[in-house]
mmCIF file of all heavy atoms, coordinates in Angstrom:
data_MODEL
# 
_entry.id   MODEL 
# 
loop_
_atom_site.group_PDB 
_atom_site.id 
_atom_site.type_symbol 
_atom_site.label_atom_id 
_atom_site.label_alt_id 
_atom_site.label_comp_id 
_atom_site.label_asym_id 
_atom_site.label_entity_id 
_atom_site.label_seq_id 
_atom_site.pdbx_PDB_ins_code 
_atom_site.Cartn_x 
_atom_site.Cartn_y 
_atom_site.Cartn_z 
_atom_site.occupancy 
_atom_site.B_iso_or_equiv 
_atom_site.pdbx_formal_charge 
_atom_site.auth_seq_id 
_atom_site.auth_comp_id 
_atom_site.auth_asym_id 
_atom_site.auth_atom_id 
_atom_site.pdbx_PDB_model_num 
ATOM 1   N N   . PHE A 1 1  ? 54.948 -25.063 35.108 1.00 0.00 ? 1  PHE A N   1 
ATOM 2   C CA  . PHE A 1 1  ? 54.670 -24.057 34.163 1.00 0.00 ? 1  PHE A CA  1 
ATOM 3   C C   . PHE A 1 1  ? 54.376 -24.508 32.861 1.00 0.00 ? 1  PHE A C   1 
ATOM 4   O O   . PHE A 1 1  ? 53.500 -24.162 32.030 1.00 0.00 ? 1  PHE A O   1 
ATOM 5   C CB  . PHE A 1 1  ? 55.998 -23.045 34.057 1.00 0.00 ? 1  PHE A CB  1 
ATOM 6   C CG  . PHE A 1 1  ? 55.838 -21.947 33.307 1.00 0.00 ? 1  PHE A CG  1 
ATOM 7   C CD1 . PHE A 1 1  ? 55.119 -20.848 33.550 1.00 0.00 ? 1  PHE A CD1 1 
ATOM 8   C CD2 . PHE A 1 1  ? 56.451 -22.019 31.904 1.00 0.00 ? 1  PHE A CD2 1 
ATOM 9   C CE1 . PHE A 1 1  ? 54.920 -19.763 32.580 1.00 0.00 ? 1  PHE A CE1 1 
ATOM 10  C CE2 . PHE A 1 1  ? 56.276 -20.957 30.935 1.00 0.00 ? 1  PHE A CE2 1 
ATOM 11  C CZ  . PHE A 1 1  ? 55.516 -19.892 31.373 1.00 0.00 ? 1  PHE A CZ  1 
ATOM 12  N N   . TYR A 1 2  ? 55.224 -25.665 32.436 1.00 0.00 ? 2  TYR A N   1 
ATOM 13  C CA  . TYR A 1 2  ? 54.949 -26.185 31.056 1.00 0.00 ? 2  TYR A CA  1 
ATOM 14  C C   . TYR A 1 2  ? 53.868 -27.332 31.059 1.00 0.00 ? 2  TYR A C   1 
ATOM 15  O O   . TYR A 1 2  ? 53.696 -27.950 29.903 1.00 0.00 ? 2  TYR A O   1 
ATOM 16  C CB  . TYR A 1 2  ? 56.359 -26.699 30.505 1.00 0.00 ? 2  TYR A CB  1 
ATOM 17  C CG  . TYR A 1 2  ? 57.235 -25.581 30.134 1.00 0.00 ? 2  TYR A CG  1 
ATOM 18  C CD1 . TYR A 1 2  ? 58.467 -25.322 30.944 1.00 0.00 ? 2  TYR A CD1 1 
ATOM 19  C CD2 . TYR A 1 2  ? 56.987 -24.655 29.154 1.00 0.00 ? 2  TYR A CD2 1 
ATOM 20  C CE1 . TYR A 1 2  ? 59.228 -24.262 30.606 1.00 0.00 ? 2  TYR A CE1 1 
ATOM 21  C CE2 . TYR A 1 2  ? 57.786 -23.639 28.750 1.00 0.00 ? 2  TYR A CE2 1 
ATOM 22  C CZ  . TYR A 1 2  ? 58.959 -23.395 29.598 1.00 0.00 ? 2  TYR A CZ  1 
ATOM 23  O OH  . TYR A 1 2  ? 59.762 -22.358 29.258 1.00 0.00 ? 2  TYR A OH  1 
ATOM 24  N N   . LEU A 1 3  ? 53.292 -27.549 32.089 1.00 0.00 ? 3  LEU A N   1 
ATOM 25  C CA  . LEU A 1 3  ? 52.250 -28.734 32.205 1.00 0.00 ? 3  LEU A CA  1 
ATOM 26  C C   . LEU A 1 3  ? 51.133 -28.360 31.233 1.00 0.00 ? 3  LEU A C   1 
ATOM 27  O O   . LEU A 1 3  ? 50.533 -27.300 31.372 1.00 0.00 ? 3  LEU A O   1 
ATOM 28  C CB  . LEU A 1 3  ? 51.819 -28.892 33.610 1.00 0.00 ? 3  LEU A CB  1 
ATOM 29  C CG  . LEU A 1 3  ? 50.912 -30.059 33.912 1.00 0.00 ? 3  LEU A CG  1 
ATOM 30  C CD1 . LEU A 1 3  ? 51.677 -31.341 33.543 1.00 0.00 ? 3  LEU A CD1 1 
ATOM 31  C CD2 . LEU A 1 3  ? 50.539 -30.088 35.398 1.00 0.00 ? 3  LEU A CD2 1 
ATOM 32  N N   . GLY A 1 4  ? 50.836 -29.265 30.380 1.00 0.00 ? 4  GLY A N   1 
ATOM 33  C CA  . GLY A 1 4  ? 49.644 -29.078 29.387 1.00 0.00 ? 4  GLY A CA  1 
ATOM 34  C C   . GLY A 1 4  ? 50.035 -28.318 28.259 1.00 0.00 ? 4  GLY A C   1 
ATOM 35  O O   . GLY A 1 4  ? 49.125 -27.990 27.509 1.00 0.00 ? 4  GLY A O   1 
ATOM 36  N N   . LYS A 1 5  ? 51.310 -27.765 28.048 1.00 0.00 ? 5  LYS A N   1 
ATOM 37  C CA  . LYS A 1 5  ? 51.611 -26.922 26.977 1.00 0.00 ? 5  LYS A CA  1 
ATOM 38  C C   . LYS A 1 5  ? 52.298 -27.596 25.785 1.00 0.00 ? 5  LYS A C   1 
ATOM 39  O O   . LYS A 1 5  ? 52.618 -26.981 24.881 1.00 0.00 ? 5  LYS A O   1 
ATOM 40  C CB  . LYS A 1 5  ? 52.506 -25.726 27.499 1.00 0.00 ? 5  LYS A CB  1 
ATOM 41  C CG  . LYS A 1 5  ? 51.765 -24.883 28.459 1.00 0.00 ? 5  LYS A CG  1 
ATOM 42  C CD  . LYS A 1 5  ? 52.564 -23.667 28.857 1.00 0.00 ? 5  LYS A CD  1 
ATOM 43  C CE  . LYS A 1 5  ? 51.768 -22.799 29.926 1.00 0.00 ? 5  LYS A CE  1 
ATOM 44  N NZ  . LYS A 1 5  ? 52.503 -21.724 30.288 1.00 0.00 ? 5  LYS A NZ  1 
ATOM 45  N N   . SER A 1 6  ? 52.267 -29.021 25.837 1.00 0.00 ? 6  SER A N   1 
ATOM 46  C CA  . SER A 1 6  ? 53.014 -29.616 24.812 1.00 0.00 ? 6  SER A CA  1 
ATOM 47  C C   . SER A 1 6  ? 51.972 -29.648 23.562 1.00 0.00 ? 6  SER A C   1 
ATOM 48  O O   . SER A 1 6  ? 50.800 -29.858 23.659 1.00 0.00 ? 6  SER A O   1 
ATOM 49  C CB  . SER A 1 6  ? 53.170 -31.195 25.145 1.00 0.00 ? 6  SER A CB  1 
ATOM 50  O OG  . SER A 1 6  ? 54.229 -31.241 26.194 1.00 0.00 ? 6  SER A OG  1 
ATOM 51  N N   . VAL A 1 7  ? 52.590 -29.471 22.335 1.00 0.00 ? 7  VAL A N   1 
ATOM 52  C CA  . VAL A 1 7  ? 51.760 -29.344 21.180 1.00 0.00 ? 7  VAL A CA  1 
ATOM 53  C C   . VAL A 1 7  ? 51.474 -30.692 20.679 1.00 0.00 ? 7  VAL A C   1 
ATOM 54  O O   . VAL A 1 7  ? 50.318 -31.006 20.140 1.00 0.00 ? 7  VAL A O   1 
ATOM 55  C CB  . VAL A 1 7  ? 52.519 -28.538 20.148 1.00 0.00 ? 7  VAL A CB  1 
ATOM 56  C CG1 . VAL A 1 7  ? 51.770 -28.459 18.856 1.00 0.00 ? 7  VAL A CG1 1 
ATOM 57  C CG2 . VAL A 1 7  ? 52.733 -27.161 20.721 1.00 0.00 ? 7  VAL A CG2 1 
ATOM 58  N N   . THR A 1 8  ? 52.388 -31.613 20.916 1.00 0.00 ? 8  THR A N   1 
ATOM 59  C CA  . THR A 1 8  ? 52.159 -33.122 20.504 1.00 0.00 ? 8  THR A CA  1 
ATOM 60  C C   . THR A 1 8  ? 52.161 -33.950 21.619 1.00 0.00 ? 8  THR A C   1 
ATOM 61  O O   . THR A 1 8  ? 52.557 -33.558 22.839 1.00 0.00 ? 8  THR A O   1 
ATOM 62  C CB  . THR A 1 8  ? 53.343 -33.546 19.543 1.00 0.00 ? 8  THR A CB  1 
ATOM 63  O OG1 . THR A 1 8  ? 54.546 -33.391 20.182 1.00 0.00 ? 8  THR A OG1 1 
ATOM 64  C CG2 . THR A 1 8  ? 53.357 -32.567 18.283 1.00 0.00 ? 8  THR A CG2 1 
ATOM 65  N N   . GLY A 1 9  ? 51.805 -35.165 21.459 1.00 0.00 ? 9  GLY A N   1 
ATOM 66  C CA  . GLY A 1 9  ? 51.688 -36.123 22.425 1.00 0.00 ? 9  GLY A CA  1 
ATOM 67  C C   . GLY A 1 9  ? 52.898 -37.005 22.513 1.00 0.00 ? 9  GLY A C   1 
ATOM 68  O O   . GLY A 1 9  ? 53.817 -36.690 21.774 1.00 0.00 ? 9  GLY A O   1 
ATOM 69  N N   . PRO A 1 10 ? 53.042 -37.871 23.435 1.00 0.00 ? 10 PRO A N   1 
ATOM 70  C CA  . PRO A 1 10 ? 51.979 -38.277 24.449 1.00 0.00 ? 10 PRO A CA  1 
ATOM 71  C C   . PRO A 1 10 ? 51.901 -37.273 25.497 1.00 0.00 ? 10 PRO A C   1 
ATOM 72  O O   . PRO A 1 10 ? 52.861 -36.562 25.773 1.00 0.00 ? 10 PRO A O   1 
ATOM 73  C CB  . PRO A 1 10 ? 52.510 -39.674 24.858 1.00 0.00 ? 10 PRO A CB  1 
ATOM 74  C CG  . PRO A 1 10 ? 53.958 -39.673 24.661 1.00 0.00 ? 10 PRO A CG  1 
ATOM 75  C CD  . PRO A 1 10 ? 54.262 -38.752 23.531 1.00 0.00 ? 10 PRO A CD  1 
ATOM 76  N N   . THR A 1 11 ? 50.777 -37.395 26.344 1.00 0.00 ? 11 THR A N   1 
ATOM 77  C CA  . THR A 1 11 ? 50.543 -36.476 27.429 1.00 0.00 ? 11 THR A CA  1 
ATOM 78  C C   . THR A 1 11 ? 50.742 -37.369 28.779 1.00 0.00 ? 11 THR A C   1 
ATOM 79  O O   . THR A 1 11 ? 50.870 -38.553 28.713 1.00 0.00 ? 11 THR A O   1 
ATOM 80  C CB  . THR A 1 11 ? 49.197 -35.970 27.518 1.00 0.00 ? 11 THR A CB  1 
ATOM 81  O OG1 . THR A 1 11 ? 48.235 -37.076 27.637 1.00 0.00 ? 11 THR A OG1 1 
ATOM 82  C CG2 . THR A 1 11 ? 48.839 -35.138 26.177 1.00 0.00 ? 11 THR A CG2 1 
ATOM 83  N N   . PRO A 1 12 ? 50.989 -36.681 29.796 1.00 0.00 ? 12 PRO A N   1 
ATOM 84  C CA  . PRO A 1 12 ? 51.162 -37.507 31.130 1.00 0.00 ? 12 PRO A CA  1 
ATOM 85  C C   . PRO A 1 12 ? 49.956 -38.431 31.362 1.00 0.00 ? 12 PRO A C   1 
ATOM 86  O O   . PRO A 1 12 ? 50.227 -39.538 31.809 1.00 0.00 ? 12 PRO A O   1 
ATOM 87  C CB  . PRO A 1 12 ? 51.194 -36.348 32.194 1.00 0.00 ? 12 PRO A CB  1 
ATOM 88  C CG  . PRO A 1 12 ? 51.580 -35.094 31.509 1.00 0.00 ? 12 PRO A CG  1 
ATOM 89  C CD  . PRO A 1 12 ? 51.097 -35.272 30.014 1.00 0.00 ? 12 PRO A CD  1 
ATOM 90  N N   . HIS A 1 13 ? 48.802 -38.001 31.055 1.00 0.00 ? 13 HIS A N   1 
ATOM 91  C CA  . HIS A 1 13 ? 47.588 -38.796 31.263 1.00 0.00 ? 13 HIS A CA  1 
ATOM 92  C C   . HIS A 1 13 ? 47.665 -40.144 30.467 1.00 0.00 ? 13 HIS A C   1 
ATOM 93  O O   . HIS A 1 13 ? 47.208 -41.205 30.821 1.00 0.00 ? 13 HIS A O   1 
ATOM 94  C CB  . HIS A 1 13 ? 46.295 -38.089 30.940 1.00 0.00 ? 13 HIS A CB  1 
ATOM 95  C CG  . HIS A 1 13 ? 45.089 -38.877 31.174 1.00 0.00 ? 13 HIS A CG  1 
ATOM 96  N ND1 . HIS A 1 13 ? 44.605 -39.195 32.420 1.00 0.00 ? 13 HIS A ND1 1 
ATOM 97  C CD2 . HIS A 1 13 ? 44.206 -39.469 30.336 1.00 0.00 ? 13 HIS A CD2 1 
ATOM 98  C CE1 . HIS A 1 13 ? 43.459 -39.997 32.375 1.00 0.00 ? 13 HIS A CE1 1 
ATOM 99  N NE2 . HIS A 1 13 ? 43.263 -40.151 31.030 1.00 0.00 ? 13 HIS A NE2 1 
ATOM 100 N N   . ASP A 1 14 ? 48.209 -40.026 29.220 1.00 0.00 ? 14 ASP A N   1 
ATOM 101 C CA  . ASP A 1 14 ? 48.317 -41.076 28.392 1.00 0.00 ? 14 ASP A CA  1 
ATOM 102 C C   . ASP A 1 14 ? 49.269 -42.199 28.764 1.00 0.00 ? 14 ASP A C   1 
ATOM 103 O O   . ASP A 1 14 ? 49.116 -43.384 28.548 1.00 0.00 ? 14 ASP A O   1 
ATOM 104 C CB  . ASP A 1 14 ? 48.788 -40.673 26.919 1.00 0.00 ? 14 ASP A CB  1 
ATOM 105 C CG  . ASP A 1 14 ? 47.748 -39.635 26.289 1.00 0.00 ? 14 ASP A CG  1 
ATOM 106 O OD1 . ASP A 1 14 ? 46.509 -39.778 26.598 1.00 0.00 ? 14 ASP A OD1 1 
ATOM 107 O OD2 . ASP A 1 14 ? 48.156 -38.882 25.458 1.00 0.00 ? 14 ASP A OD2 1 
ATOM 108 N N   . VAL A 1 15 ? 50.481 -41.767 29.334 1.00 0.00 ? 15 VAL A N   1 
ATOM 109 C CA  . VAL A 1 15 ? 51.546 -42.680 29.561 1.00 0.00 ? 15 VAL A CA  1 
ATOM 110 C C   . VAL A 1 15 ? 51.968 -42.956 31.011 1.00 0.00 ? 15 VAL A C   1 
ATOM 111 O O   . VAL A 1 15 ? 52.699 -43.972 31.243 1.00 0.00 ? 15 VAL A O   1 
ATOM 112 C CB  . VAL A 1 15 ? 52.806 -42.239 28.742 1.00 0.00 ? 15 VAL A CB  1 
ATOM 113 C CG1 . VAL A 1 15 ? 52.488 -42.262 27.238 1.00 0.00 ? 15 VAL A CG1 1 
ATOM 114 C CG2 . VAL A 1 15 ? 53.205 -40.884 29.268 1.00 0.00 ? 15 VAL A CG2 1 
ATOM 115 N N   . LEU A 1 16 ? 51.757 -42.058 31.918 1.00 0.00 ? 16 LEU A N   1 
ATOM 116 C CA  . LEU A 1 16 ? 52.285 -42.272 33.262 1.00 0.00 ? 16 LEU A CA  1 
ATOM 117 C C   . LEU A 1 16 ? 51.335 -43.156 34.095 1.00 0.00 ? 16 LEU A C   1 
ATOM 118 O O   . LEU A 1 16 ? 50.206 -43.061 34.164 1.00 0.00 ? 16 LEU A O   1 
ATOM 119 C CB  . LEU A 1 16 ? 52.274 -40.914 33.942 1.00 0.00 ? 16 LEU A CB  1 
ATOM 120 C CG  . LEU A 1 16 ? 53.352 -39.887 33.483 1.00 0.00 ? 16 LEU A CG  1 
ATOM 121 C CD1 . LEU A 1 16 ? 53.445 -38.659 34.470 1.00 0.00 ? 16 LEU A CD1 1 
ATOM 122 C CD2 . LEU A 1 16 ? 54.776 -40.574 33.559 1.00 0.00 ? 16 LEU A CD2 1 
ATOM 123 N N   . GLU A 1 17 ? 52.067 -44.063 34.809 1.00 0.00 ? 17 GLU A N   1 
ATOM 124 C CA  . GLU A 1 17 ? 51.429 -44.993 35.777 1.00 0.00 ? 17 GLU A CA  1 
ATOM 125 C C   . GLU A 1 17 ? 51.820 -44.539 37.173 1.00 0.00 ? 17 GLU A C   1 
ATOM 126 O O   . GLU A 1 17 ? 53.143 -44.237 37.284 1.00 0.00 ? 17 GLU A O   1 
ATOM 127 C CB  . GLU A 1 17 ? 51.763 -46.386 35.491 1.00 0.00 ? 17 GLU A CB  1 
ATOM 128 C CG  . GLU A 1 17 ? 51.113 -46.886 34.182 1.00 0.00 ? 17 GLU A CG  1 
ATOM 129 C CD  . GLU A 1 17 ? 51.542 -48.325 33.805 1.00 0.00 ? 17 GLU A CD  1 
ATOM 130 O OE1 . GLU A 1 17 ? 52.299 -48.915 34.622 1.00 0.00 ? 17 GLU A OE1 1 
ATOM 131 O OE2 . GLU A 1 17 ? 51.264 -48.774 32.699 1.00 0.00 ? 17 GLU A OE2 1 
ATOM 132 N N   . VAL A 1 18 ? 51.160 -44.529 38.217 1.00 0.00 ? 18 VAL A N   1 
ATOM 133 C CA  . VAL A 1 18 ? 51.588 -44.098 39.440 1.00 0.00 ? 18 VAL A CA  1 
ATOM 134 C C   . VAL A 1 18 ? 52.441 -45.197 40.178 1.00 0.00 ? 18 VAL A C   1 
ATOM 135 O O   . VAL A 1 18 ? 51.965 -46.250 40.336 1.00 0.00 ? 18 VAL A O   1 
ATOM 136 C CB  . VAL A 1 18 ? 50.286 -43.777 40.409 1.00 0.00 ? 18 VAL A CB  1 
ATOM 137 C CG1 . VAL A 1 18 ? 50.765 -43.281 41.792 1.00 0.00 ? 18 VAL A CG1 1 
ATOM 138 C CG2 . VAL A 1 18 ? 49.432 -42.770 39.667 1.00 0.00 ? 18 VAL A CG2 1 
ATOM 139 N N   . PRO A 1 19 ? 53.639 -44.829 40.478 1.00 0.00 ? 19 PRO A N   1 
ATOM 140 C CA  . PRO A 1 19 ? 54.538 -45.922 40.990 1.00 0.00 ? 19 PRO A CA  1 
ATOM 141 C C   . PRO A 1 19 ? 54.368 -45.948 42.618 1.00 0.00 ? 19 PRO A C   1 
ATOM 142 O O   . PRO A 1 19 ? 55.336 -45.635 43.414 1.00 0.00 ? 19 PRO A O   1 
ATOM 143 C CB  . PRO A 1 19 ? 55.983 -45.307 40.708 1.00 0.00 ? 19 PRO A CB  1 
ATOM 144 C CG  . PRO A 1 19 ? 55.761 -43.789 40.720 1.00 0.00 ? 19 PRO A CG  1 
ATOM 145 C CD  . PRO A 1 19 ? 54.345 -43.573 40.258 1.00 0.00 ? 19 PRO A CD  1 
ATOM 146 N N   . VAL A 1 20 ? 53.200 -46.572 43.098 1.00 0.00 ? 20 VAL A N   1 
ATOM 147 C CA  . VAL A 1 20 ? 52.927 -46.643 44.398 1.00 0.00 ? 20 VAL A CA  1 
ATOM 148 C C   . VAL A 1 20 ? 53.886 -47.499 45.098 1.00 0.00 ? 20 VAL A C   1 
ATOM 149 O O   . VAL A 1 20 ? 54.574 -47.165 46.220 1.00 0.00 ? 20 VAL A O   1 
ATOM 150 C CB  . VAL A 1 20 ? 51.437 -47.057 44.605 1.00 0.00 ? 20 VAL A CB  1 
ATOM 151 C CG1 . VAL A 1 20 ? 51.183 -47.301 46.045 1.00 0.00 ? 20 VAL A CG1 1 
ATOM 152 C CG2 . VAL A 1 20 ? 50.512 -46.142 43.961 1.00 0.00 ? 20 VAL A CG2 1 
ATOM 153 N N   . PHE A 1 21 ? 54.261 -48.673 44.664 1.00 0.00 ? 21 PHE A N   1 
ATOM 154 C CA  . PHE A 1 21 ? 55.116 -49.657 45.310 1.00 0.00 ? 21 PHE A CA  1 
ATOM 155 C C   . PHE A 1 21 ? 56.426 -49.070 45.476 1.00 0.00 ? 21 PHE A C   1 
ATOM 156 O O   . PHE A 1 21 ? 57.008 -49.194 46.518 1.00 0.00 ? 21 PHE A O   1 
ATOM 157 C CB  . PHE A 1 21 ? 55.086 -51.000 44.482 1.00 0.00 ? 21 PHE A CB  1 
ATOM 158 C CG  . PHE A 1 21 ? 56.101 -51.932 45.079 1.00 0.00 ? 21 PHE A CG  1 
ATOM 159 C CD1 . PHE A 1 21 ? 55.900 -52.675 46.379 1.00 0.00 ? 21 PHE A CD1 1 
ATOM 160 C CD2 . PHE A 1 21 ? 57.304 -52.229 44.474 1.00 0.00 ? 21 PHE A CD2 1 
ATOM 161 C CE1 . PHE A 1 21 ? 56.852 -53.483 46.868 1.00 0.00 ? 21 PHE A CE1 1 
ATOM 162 C CE2 . PHE A 1 21 ? 58.266 -53.053 44.973 1.00 0.00 ? 21 PHE A CE2 1 
ATOM 163 C CZ  . PHE A 1 21 ? 58.012 -53.703 46.152 1.00 0.00 ? 21 PHE A CZ  1 
ATOM 164 N N   . TYR A 1 22 ? 56.965 -48.535 44.369 1.00 0.00 ? 22 TYR A N   1 
ATOM 165 C CA  . TYR A 1 22 ? 58.403 -48.034 44.526 1.00 0.00 ? 22 TYR A CA  1 
ATOM 166 C C   . TYR A 1 22 ? 58.416 -46.774 45.334 1.00 0.00 ? 22 TYR A C   1 
ATOM 167 O O   . TYR A 1 22 ? 59.495 -46.532 46.042 1.00 0.00 ? 22 TYR A O   1 
ATOM 168 C CB  . TYR A 1 22 ? 58.869 -47.805 43.063 1.00 0.00 ? 22 TYR A CB  1 
ATOM 169 C CG  . TYR A 1 22 ? 58.992 -49.052 42.322 1.00 0.00 ? 22 TYR A CG  1 
ATOM 170 C CD1 . TYR A 1 22 ? 58.042 -49.243 41.136 1.00 0.00 ? 22 TYR A CD1 1 
ATOM 171 C CD2 . TYR A 1 22 ? 59.805 -50.071 42.670 1.00 0.00 ? 22 TYR A CD2 1 
ATOM 172 C CE1 . TYR A 1 22 ? 58.217 -50.467 40.508 1.00 0.00 ? 22 TYR A CE1 1 
ATOM 173 C CE2 . TYR A 1 22 ? 59.846 -51.268 41.934 1.00 0.00 ? 22 TYR A CE2 1 
ATOM 174 C CZ  . TYR A 1 22 ? 59.076 -51.423 40.901 1.00 0.00 ? 22 TYR A CZ  1 
ATOM 175 O OH  . TYR A 1 22 ? 59.079 -52.603 40.214 1.00 0.00 ? 22 TYR A OH  1 
ATOM 176 N N   . THR A 1 23 ? 57.422 -46.111 45.503 1.00 0.00 ? 23 THR A N   1 
ATOM 177 C CA  . THR A 1 23 ? 57.319 -44.874 46.350 1.00 0.00 ? 23 THR A CA  1 
ATOM 178 C C   . THR A 1 23 ? 57.333 -45.379 47.825 1.00 0.00 ? 23 THR A C   1 
ATOM 179 O O   . THR A 1 23 ? 58.049 -44.816 48.655 1.00 0.00 ? 23 THR A O   1 
ATOM 180 C CB  . THR A 1 23 ? 56.071 -44.110 46.102 1.00 0.00 ? 23 THR A CB  1 
ATOM 181 O OG1 . THR A 1 23 ? 56.167 -43.502 44.696 1.00 0.00 ? 23 THR A OG1 1 
ATOM 182 C CG2 . THR A 1 23 ? 55.926 -42.875 46.993 1.00 0.00 ? 23 THR A CG2 1 
ATOM 183 N N   . ILE A 1 24 ? 56.520 -46.295 48.096 1.00 0.00 ? 24 ILE A N   1 
ATOM 184 C CA  . ILE A 1 24 ? 56.548 -46.990 49.426 1.00 0.00 ? 24 ILE A CA  1 
ATOM 185 C C   . ILE A 1 24 ? 57.962 -47.467 49.851 1.00 0.00 ? 24 ILE A C   1 
ATOM 186 O O   . ILE A 1 24 ? 58.360 -47.335 50.929 1.00 0.00 ? 24 ILE A O   1 
ATOM 187 C CB  . ILE A 1 24 ? 55.503 -48.105 49.573 1.00 0.00 ? 24 ILE A CB  1 
ATOM 188 C CG1 . ILE A 1 24 ? 54.040 -47.507 49.551 1.00 0.00 ? 24 ILE A CG1 1 
ATOM 189 C CG2 . ILE A 1 24 ? 55.563 -48.960 50.896 1.00 0.00 ? 24 ILE A CG2 1 
ATOM 190 C CD1 . ILE A 1 24 ? 52.920 -48.493 49.330 1.00 0.00 ? 24 ILE A CD1 1 
ATOM 191 N N   . CYS A 1 25 ? 58.616 -48.166 48.878 1.00 0.00 ? 25 CYS A N   1 
ATOM 192 C CA  . CYS A 1 25 ? 59.980 -48.598 49.166 1.00 0.00 ? 25 CYS A CA  1 
ATOM 193 C C   . CYS A 1 25 ? 60.965 -47.450 49.413 1.00 0.00 ? 25 CYS A C   1 
ATOM 194 O O   . CYS A 1 25 ? 61.665 -47.595 50.406 1.00 0.00 ? 25 CYS A O   1 
ATOM 195 C CB  . CYS A 1 25 ? 60.543 -49.306 47.977 1.00 0.00 ? 25 CYS A CB  1 
ATOM 196 S SG  . CYS A 1 25 ? 59.850 -50.911 47.524 1.00 0.00 ? 25 CYS A SG  1 
ATOM 197 N N   . LEU A 1 26 ? 60.893 -46.357 48.776 1.00 0.00 ? 26 LEU A N   1 
ATOM 198 C CA  . LEU A 1 26 ? 61.741 -45.275 48.958 1.00 0.00 ? 26 LEU A CA  1 
ATOM 199 C C   . LEU A 1 26 ? 61.399 -44.616 50.430 1.00 0.00 ? 26 LEU A C   1 
ATOM 200 O O   . LEU A 1 26 ? 62.306 -44.273 51.155 1.00 0.00 ? 26 LEU A O   1 
ATOM 201 C CB  . LEU A 1 26 ? 61.711 -44.189 47.909 1.00 0.00 ? 26 LEU A CB  1 
ATOM 202 C CG  . LEU A 1 26 ? 62.807 -43.061 48.045 1.00 0.00 ? 26 LEU A CG  1 
ATOM 203 C CD1 . LEU A 1 26 ? 64.145 -43.678 47.921 1.00 0.00 ? 26 LEU A CD1 1 
ATOM 204 C CD2 . LEU A 1 26 ? 62.501 -42.076 46.996 1.00 0.00 ? 26 LEU A CD2 1 
ATOM 205 N N   . LEU A 1 27 ? 60.090 -44.282 50.638 1.00 0.00 ? 27 LEU A N   1 
ATOM 206 C CA  . LEU A 1 27 ? 59.795 -43.688 51.939 1.00 0.00 ? 27 LEU A CA  1 
ATOM 207 C C   . LEU A 1 27 ? 60.052 -44.660 53.067 1.00 0.00 ? 27 LEU A C   1 
ATOM 208 O O   . LEU A 1 27 ? 60.513 -44.151 54.156 1.00 0.00 ? 27 LEU A O   1 
ATOM 209 C CB  . LEU A 1 27 ? 58.291 -43.364 51.910 1.00 0.00 ? 27 LEU A CB  1 
ATOM 210 C CG  . LEU A 1 27 ? 57.934 -42.345 50.839 1.00 0.00 ? 27 LEU A CG  1 
ATOM 211 C CD1 . LEU A 1 27 ? 56.513 -41.950 50.859 1.00 0.00 ? 27 LEU A CD1 1 
ATOM 212 C CD2 . LEU A 1 27 ? 58.772 -41.117 50.920 1.00 0.00 ? 27 LEU A CD2 1 
ATOM 213 N N   . SER A 1 28 ? 59.905 -45.964 52.886 1.00 0.00 ? 28 SER A N   1 
ATOM 214 C CA  . SER A 1 28 ? 60.278 -46.910 54.012 1.00 0.00 ? 28 SER A CA  1 
ATOM 215 C C   . SER A 1 28 ? 61.807 -46.805 54.255 1.00 0.00 ? 28 SER A C   1 
ATOM 216 O O   . SER A 1 28 ? 62.056 -47.027 55.470 1.00 0.00 ? 28 SER A O   1 
ATOM 217 C CB  . SER A 1 28 ? 59.883 -48.269 53.622 1.00 0.00 ? 28 SER A CB  1 
ATOM 218 O OG  . SER A 1 28 ? 58.467 -48.352 53.368 1.00 0.00 ? 28 SER A OG  1 
ATOM 219 N N   . SER A 1 29 ? 62.538 -46.552 53.274 1.00 0.00 ? 29 SER A N   1 
ATOM 220 C CA  . SER A 1 29 ? 63.970 -46.456 53.517 1.00 0.00 ? 29 SER A CA  1 
ATOM 221 C C   . SER A 1 29 ? 64.370 -45.341 54.434 1.00 0.00 ? 29 SER A C   1 
ATOM 222 O O   . SER A 1 29 ? 65.414 -45.487 55.182 1.00 0.00 ? 29 SER A O   1 
ATOM 223 C CB  . SER A 1 29 ? 64.749 -46.328 52.205 1.00 0.00 ? 29 SER A CB  1 
ATOM 224 O OG  . SER A 1 29 ? 64.585 -45.010 51.661 1.00 0.00 ? 29 SER A OG  1 
# 
């Protein structure tokens, strides 16, 4: 609901990196 409604930055596109390795670790568990 609040996605993209921030008046100031940073935005998800600016700062988030996709945690592929750590996701694989969790799903493998």
